[in-house]
Amino acid sequence: MADVANKYPQNVVGKFYVDDQCIDCDLCRETAPANFTRDDDGGHSYVFKQPENAEEEGLCKEAMEGCPVEAIGSDGT
């Protein structure tokens, strides 16, 4: 389970985040490309834009549920 205390600093403020468990598998970037991107230097994903509508919210939730190492979290706001 993702831990807000270990989230990457690149994550924009908001509900979804990626923490240091990320293995750079690309699932979230493929599932929700409008919200997740890659830190090429760090070799991990992060949230660069919080969802702005129901479709993006659903795709972020799908990415979170599909993450093989549970590195995507939601603070529930």
C-alpha atoms as a PDB file:
ATOM      1  CA  MET A   1       0.000   0.000   0.000  1.00  0.00           C
ATOM      2  CA  ALA A   2       1.313   3.435  -0.963  1.00  0.00           C
ATOM      3  CA  ASP A   3       2.500   5.631   1.898  1.00  0.00           C
ATOM      4  CA  VAL A   4       1.956   9.382   1.723  1.00  0.00           C
ATOM      5  CA  ALA A   5       5.072   9.858   3.870  1.00  0.00           C
ATOM      6  CA  ASN A   6       7.153   8.297   1.075  1.00  0.00           C
ATOM      7  CA  LYS A   7       5.600  10.022  -1.929  1.00  0.00           C
ATOM      8  CA  TYR A   8       7.897  11.531  -4.523  1.00  0.00           C
ATOM      9  CA  PRO A   9       8.322  15.308  -4.305  1.00  0.00           C
ATOM     10  CA  GLN A  10       7.468  15.701  -8.007  1.00  0.00           C
ATOM     11  CA  ASN A  11       3.818  14.765  -7.355  1.00  0.00           C
ATOM     12  CA  VAL A  12       1.544  17.779  -7.677  1.00  0.00           C
ATOM     13  CA  VAL A  13      -0.602  18.567  -4.666  1.00  0.00           C
ATOM     14  CA  GLY A  14      -3.875  16.680  -4.616  1.00  0.00           C
ATOM     15  CA  LYS A  15      -5.622  13.377  -4.114  1.00  0.00           C
ATOM     16  CA  PHE A  16      -3.367  10.978  -6.063  1.00  0.00           C
ATOM     17  CA  TYR A  17       0.360  10.400  -5.631  1.00  0.00           C
ATOM     18  CA  VAL A  18       3.132   7.885  -6.370  1.00  0.00           C
ATOM     19  CA  ASP A  19       5.510   6.762  -3.641  1.00  0.00           C
ATOM     20  CA  ASP A  20       9.005   5.270  -3.580  1.00  0.00           C
ATOM     21  CA  GLN A  21       7.784   1.709  -4.211  1.00  0.00           C
ATOM     22  CA  CYS A  22       7.367   2.516  -7.940  1.00  0.00           C
ATOM     23  CA  ILE A  23       9.204   0.071 -10.214  1.00  0.00           C
ATOM     24  CA  ASP A  24       8.732   2.152 -13.388  1.00  0.00           C
ATOM     25  CA  CYS A  25       6.532  -0.479 -15.054  1.00  0.00           C
ATOM     26  CA  ASP A  26       4.651   2.123 -17.182  1.00  0.00           C
ATOM     27  CA  LEU A  27       1.148   0.840 -16.310  1.00  0.00           C
ATOM     28  CA  CYS A  28      -0.052   4.130 -14.832  1.00  0.00           C
ATOM     29  CA  ARG A  29       1.402   6.174 -17.682  1.00  0.00           C
ATOM     30  CA  GLU A  30      -0.382   3.979 -20.204  1.00  0.00           C
ATOM     31  CA  THR A  31      -3.653   3.894 -18.243  1.00  0.00           C
ATOM     32  CA  ALA A  32      -3.848   7.596 -17.364  1.00  0.00           C
ATOM     33  CA  PRO A  33      -1.349   9.470 -19.557  1.00  0.00           C
ATOM     34  CA  ALA A  34      -3.030  12.811 -18.861  1.00  0.00           C
ATOM     35  CA  ASN A  35      -2.105  12.481 -15.179  1.00  0.00           C
ATOM     36  CA  PHE A  36       1.024  10.346 -14.798  1.00  0.00           C
ATOM     37  CA  THR A  37       4.437  10.914 -16.312  1.00  0.00           C
ATOM     38  CA  ARG A  38       7.979   9.597 -15.874  1.00  0.00           C
ATOM     39  CA  ASP A  39      10.910  11.081 -14.020  1.00  0.00           C
ATOM     40  CA  ASP A  40      13.651  10.061 -16.443  1.00  0.00           C
ATOM     41  CA  ASP A  41      16.434  10.800 -13.967  1.00  0.00           C
ATOM     42  CA  GLY A  42      14.833   8.915 -11.080  1.00  0.00           C
ATOM     43  CA  GLY A  43      13.319   6.089 -13.139  1.00  0.00           C
ATOM     44  CA  HIS A  44       9.827   6.305 -11.659  1.00  0.00           C
ATOM     45  CA  SER A  45       6.377   7.713 -12.330  1.00  0.00           C
ATOM     46  CA  TYR A  46       4.654  10.582 -10.587  1.00  0.00           C
ATOM     47  CA  VAL A  47       1.406  12.539 -10.808  1.00  0.00           C
ATOM     48  CA  PHE A  48       2.023  15.691 -12.852  1.00  0.00           C
ATOM     49  CA  LYS A  49      -1.653  16.687 -13.045  1.00  0.00           C
ATOM     50  CA  GLN A  50      -4.509  15.770 -10.741  1.00  0.00           C
ATOM     51  CA  PRO A  51      -7.705  14.559 -12.462  1.00  0.00           C
ATOM     52  CA  GLU A  52      -9.932  17.385 -13.651  1.00  0.00           C
ATOM     53  CA  ASN A  53     -13.039  15.393 -14.574  1.00  0.00           C
ATOM     54  CA  ALA A  54     -14.796  12.086 -13.906  1.00  0.00           C
ATOM     55  CA  GLU A  55     -13.062  10.305 -16.783  1.00  0.00           C
ATOM     56  CA  GLU A  56      -9.573  11.228 -15.567  1.00  0.00           C
ATOM     57  CA  GLU A  57     -10.564  10.336 -11.990  1.00  0.00           C
ATOM     58  CA  GLY A  58     -11.703   6.898 -13.156  1.00  0.00           C
ATOM     59  CA  LEU A  59      -8.489   6.290 -15.083  1.00  0.00           C
ATOM     60  CA  CYS A  60      -6.377   7.304 -12.073  1.00  0.00           C
ATOM     61  CA  LYS A  61      -8.351   4.894  -9.878  1.00  0.00           C
ATOM     62  CA  GLU A  62      -7.871   2.164 -12.510  1.00  0.00           C
ATOM     63  CA  ALA A  63      -4.115   2.833 -12.515  1.00  0.00           C
ATOM     64  CA  MET A  64      -4.019   2.731  -8.715  1.00  0.00           C
ATOM     65  CA  GLU A  65      -5.897  -0.573  -8.588  1.00  0.00           C
ATOM     66  CA  GLY A  66      -3.720  -2.084 -11.328  1.00  0.00           C
ATOM     67  CA  CYS A  67      -0.356  -1.007  -9.931  1.00  0.00           C
ATOM     68  CA  PRO A  68       1.591  -4.248  -9.343  1.00  0.00           C
ATOM     69  CA  VAL A  69       3.463  -2.876  -6.317  1.00  0.00           C
ATOM     70  CA  GLU A  70       0.709  -0.605  -4.914  1.00  0.00           C
ATOM     71  CA  ALA A  71       2.878   2.497  -5.348  1.00  0.00           C
ATOM     72  CA  ILE A  72      -0.064   4.735  -6.242  1.00  0.00           C
ATOM     73  CA  GLY A  73      -1.978   6.226  -3.369  1.00  0.00           C
ATOM     74  CA  SER A  74      -5.024   8.360  -2.804  1.00  0.00           C
ATOM     75  CA  ASP A  75      -5.483  10.518   0.244  1.00  0.00           C
ATOM     76  CA  GLY A  76      -9.232  10.442  -0.223  1.00  0.00           C
ATOM     77  CA  THR A  77      -9.806  14.164  -0.689  1.00  0.00           C
END
